Protein backbone atom coordinates (compact mmCIF):
# COMPACT_ATOMS: atom_id res chain seq x y z
CA MET A 1 22.30 4.32 34.18
CA ILE A 2 21.34 5.87 31.49
CA ARG A 3 17.45 5.34 30.84
CA SER A 4 16.18 5.59 27.41
CA LYS A 5 12.50 6.24 25.85
CA HIS A 6 12.77 3.34 23.99
CA LYS A 7 13.62 0.84 26.55
CA THR A 8 11.49 2.76 29.44
CA ALA A 9 7.96 2.03 27.00
CA LEU A 10 9.14 -1.95 26.51
CA ILE A 11 9.75 -2.40 30.26
CA LYS A 12 6.19 -0.64 30.29
CA MET A 13 5.16 -2.58 27.53
CA MET A 14 6.05 -6.27 28.65
CA TRP A 15 5.34 -5.13 32.66
CA ASP A 16 1.45 -7.24 32.81
CA GLY A 17 3.77 -10.44 31.28
CA THR A 18 3.03 -9.54 27.98
CA GLU A 19 5.75 -11.45 25.91
CA ILE A 20 6.78 -9.35 22.58
CA THR A 21 9.24 -10.10 19.98
CA ALA A 22 11.28 -7.16 18.50
CA GLY A 23 9.21 -7.74 14.96
CA ARG A 24 5.92 -6.51 16.90
CA VAL A 25 6.67 -3.32 18.93
CA PHE A 26 5.32 -0.07 16.87
CA GLY A 27 7.16 2.97 16.70
CA ILE A 28 10.59 1.32 17.98
CA SER A 29 12.57 1.54 14.98
CA ASN A 30 15.11 -1.71 15.49
CA ALA A 31 13.65 -2.13 19.23
CA ASN A 32 15.50 -5.62 19.38
CA GLN A 33 19.12 -3.24 20.35
CA TYR A 34 16.91 -1.88 22.83
CA LEU A 35 15.45 -5.38 24.16
CA VAL A 36 19.67 -6.44 24.20
CA GLU A 37 20.64 -3.99 26.33
CA LEU A 38 17.36 -4.72 28.66
CA PHE A 39 19.15 -8.40 28.47
CA ARG A 40 22.58 -7.46 29.57
CA GLU A 41 21.50 -5.49 32.91
CA LYS A 42 19.21 -8.77 33.71
CA ILE A 43 16.04 -6.73 33.99
CA VAL A 44 14.69 -8.94 30.52
CA LYS A 45 14.90 -12.81 29.82
CA PHE A 46 13.73 -14.03 25.87
CA ARG A 47 12.90 -17.56 24.74
CA TRP A 48 12.63 -18.85 21.42
CA CYS A 49 9.56 -19.54 19.79
CA THR A 50 9.04 -20.88 15.93
CA ASP A 51 6.17 -20.04 13.64
CA ALA A 52 3.11 -22.67 13.74
CA ASN A 53 3.16 -22.21 9.56
CA ASN A 54 6.91 -22.54 9.86
CA PRO A 55 9.12 -24.95 11.70
CA LYS A 56 11.79 -23.28 9.90
CA ARG A 57 11.26 -19.74 11.03
CA ARG A 58 12.37 -18.31 14.78
CA PHE A 59 11.93 -15.42 16.51
CA LYS A 60 12.18 -14.17 20.20
CA LEU A 61 9.66 -13.60 22.58
CA TRP A 62 11.23 -11.05 25.41
CA ARG A 63 9.33 -11.26 29.11
CA ILE A 64 10.60 -9.03 32.24
CA ASP A 65 12.58 -11.31 34.56
CA ASP A 66 13.60 -9.17 37.14
CA PHE A 67 10.73 -6.85 38.28
CA GLN A 68 12.50 -5.17 41.16
CA LYS A 69 15.11 -3.86 38.29
CA ALA A 70 12.69 -3.15 36.13
CA LYS A 71 10.60 -0.81 38.78
CA ARG A 72 14.05 0.88 39.87
CA TYR A 73 14.60 1.64 35.86
CA LEU A 74 11.31 3.16 35.77
CA GLY A 75 11.90 5.62 38.98
CA GLY A 76 9.15 3.38 41.09
CA LYS A 77 7.06 5.39 38.36
CA ILE A 78 3.99 2.06 37.96
């Protein structure tokens, strides 16, 4: 498994149970591509949400699904 510093940073952001969106992640250009890679590795899951002010606007909230895989990905450094 190739470790990406961006994927590592995203896992650390979500570690405490926080849900994140790709648009709210600062410092990682096109964070969505890294979140999708983590999804394919079955480390994270997402759920669709709508904006309270505009119900037609949807976005994904990402969270860690398998903490054991996430810890293994980080090399046990958490």
